[in-house]
Amino acid sequence: MKLGIILETKEAEKSWNAFRFAIAALKKGNSVKMFLLGEAVECENIEDKEHDTPTLMKEYKANGGEILACGTCIKARHLEDTTSCPISTMNDCVDIVEWSDKMVTF
C-alpha cells in the first residue's frame, strides 16, 4: 500500500508518534511519503529526551521513507540552510495525496 502522511506539528510526542507510525508502515512493506507543513518543518530540531523525533526521522529515511517539506514554511522560519529535507511546494503535497492509497495526518 502507498501511505501519505501530512505532519503539521512540532509537538514532540505527536511528531515522534508520526515517525513511529511511518517506520512501522515501511517495515510492513508499505511505501510511505511524508510532507511536513507549518511548524512541522522544525521537527529535526526538536530536543526532547523522551520523544527523540530527529533520530526517528533518520531511521525513517534509512528505511526508504521520503520526506518533503513546505518551502514557504521553511523560508518563513529562515531554516533554508539548516534543514536536511528537500524544500518543496504545495504541488508536491498534492502529488503525494494523488499518489497515496491512504492519507494520514498528525
Protein backbone atom coordinates (compact mmCIF):
# COMPACT_ATOMS: atom_id res chain seq x y z
CA MET A 1 0.00 0.00 0.00
CA LYS A 2 1.09 3.58 -0.61
CA LEU A 3 0.68 5.74 2.50
CA GLY A 4 0.91 9.52 2.53
CA ILE A 5 1.43 11.35 5.80
CA ILE A 6 1.00 15.06 6.41
CA LEU A 7 2.64 16.21 9.62
CA GLU A 8 1.60 19.65 10.87
CA THR A 9 3.07 19.81 14.38
CA LYS A 10 6.46 20.05 16.04
CA GLU A 11 4.97 18.92 19.34
CA ALA A 12 7.47 16.30 20.49
CA GLU A 13 5.23 13.34 21.30
CA LYS A 14 2.91 13.80 18.30
CA SER A 15 5.73 14.14 15.77
CA TRP A 16 7.56 11.21 17.39
CA ASN A 17 4.42 9.08 17.03
CA ALA A 18 4.04 10.12 13.39
CA PHE A 19 7.53 8.86 12.61
CA ARG A 20 7.00 5.69 14.65
CA PHE A 21 3.88 5.04 12.57
CA ALA A 22 5.74 5.74 9.32
CA ILE A 23 8.60 3.38 10.25
CA ALA A 24 6.15 0.63 11.24
CA ALA A 25 4.37 1.04 7.90
CA LEU A 26 7.67 0.76 6.00
CA LYS A 27 8.65 -2.35 7.93
CA LYS A 28 5.33 -3.94 6.94
CA GLY A 29 6.27 -3.43 3.28
CA ASN A 30 4.34 -0.26 2.53
CA SER A 31 5.65 2.73 0.58
CA VAL A 32 5.50 5.92 2.64
CA LYS A 33 5.87 9.59 1.72
CA MET A 34 5.65 12.35 4.30
CA PHE A 35 5.04 16.07 3.84
CA LEU A 36 5.99 18.49 6.63
CA LEU A 37 3.74 21.52 6.80
CA GLY A 38 3.67 24.57 9.06
CA GLU A 39 5.62 24.18 12.28
CA ALA A 40 6.41 20.56 11.41
CA VAL A 41 9.29 21.82 9.25
CA GLU A 42 11.08 22.36 12.58
CA CYS A 43 10.90 18.65 13.57
CA GLU A 44 14.55 17.86 13.07
CA ASN A 45 15.38 20.48 15.72
CA ILE A 46 13.14 19.08 18.46
CA GLU A 47 15.01 18.50 21.71
CA ASP A 48 13.10 16.08 23.93
CA LYS A 49 14.75 13.17 25.76
CA GLU A 50 11.60 11.04 25.87
CA HIS A 51 10.48 11.68 22.28
CA ASP A 52 13.58 11.80 20.07
CA THR A 53 12.00 12.82 16.78
CA PRO A 54 15.27 13.71 14.98
CA THR A 55 16.59 10.16 15.50
CA LEU A 56 13.36 8.65 14.21
CA MET A 57 13.49 10.95 11.16
CA LYS A 58 16.91 9.48 10.32
CA GLU A 59 15.63 5.93 10.86
CA TYR A 60 12.62 6.63 8.64
CA LYS A 61 14.88 7.87 5.82
CA ALA A 62 17.28 4.93 6.31
CA ASN A 63 14.33 2.56 5.83
CA GLY A 64 13.40 4.14 2.50
CA GLY A 65 10.89 6.75 3.63
CA GLU A 66 10.61 10.01 1.72
CA ILE A 67 10.22 13.40 3.42
CA LEU A 68 9.32 16.65 1.69
CA ALA A 69 8.92 19.96 3.48
CA CYS A 70 6.91 23.05 2.62
CA GLY A 71 9.34 25.58 1.19
CA THR A 72 7.18 28.55 2.17
CA CYS A 73 7.07 27.31 5.78
CA ILE A 74 10.85 26.75 5.81
CA LYS A 75 11.55 30.20 4.37
CA ALA A 76 9.17 31.88 6.84
CA ARG A 77 11.28 30.39 9.65
CA HIS A 78 14.63 31.13 7.93
CA LEU A 79 15.59 27.44 8.02
CA GLU A 80 16.80 27.08 4.42
CA ASP A 81 20.39 26.40 5.48
CA THR A 82 19.59 24.13 8.42
CA THR A 83 17.12 21.58 7.05
CA SER A 84 18.01 18.24 5.53
CA CYS A 85 14.53 17.96 3.97
CA PRO A 86 14.03 18.85 0.31
CA ILE A 87 12.32 22.22 0.02
CA SER A 88 9.04 21.50 -1.74
CA THR A 89 5.79 23.13 -2.83
CA MET A 90 2.08 22.62 -2.34
CA ASN A 91 2.09 20.93 -5.74
CA ASP A 92 4.40 18.31 -4.25
CA CYS A 93 1.96 17.86 -1.37
CA VAL A 94 -0.88 17.39 -3.85
CA ASP A 95 1.26 14.85 -5.72
CA ILE A 96 1.64 12.83 -2.50
CA VAL A 97 -2.12 12.89 -1.94
CA GLU A 98 -2.76 11.76 -5.53
CA TRP A 99 -0.08 9.04 -5.26
CA SER A 100 -1.39 7.64 -1.96
CA ASP A 101 -3.87 4.85 -1.44
CA LYS A 102 -4.48 6.24 2.08
CA MET A 103 -3.62 9.52 3.79
CA VAL A 104 -2.91 10.09 7.47
CA THR A 105 -2.43 13.43 9.21
CA PHE A 106 -0.78 14.17 12.53
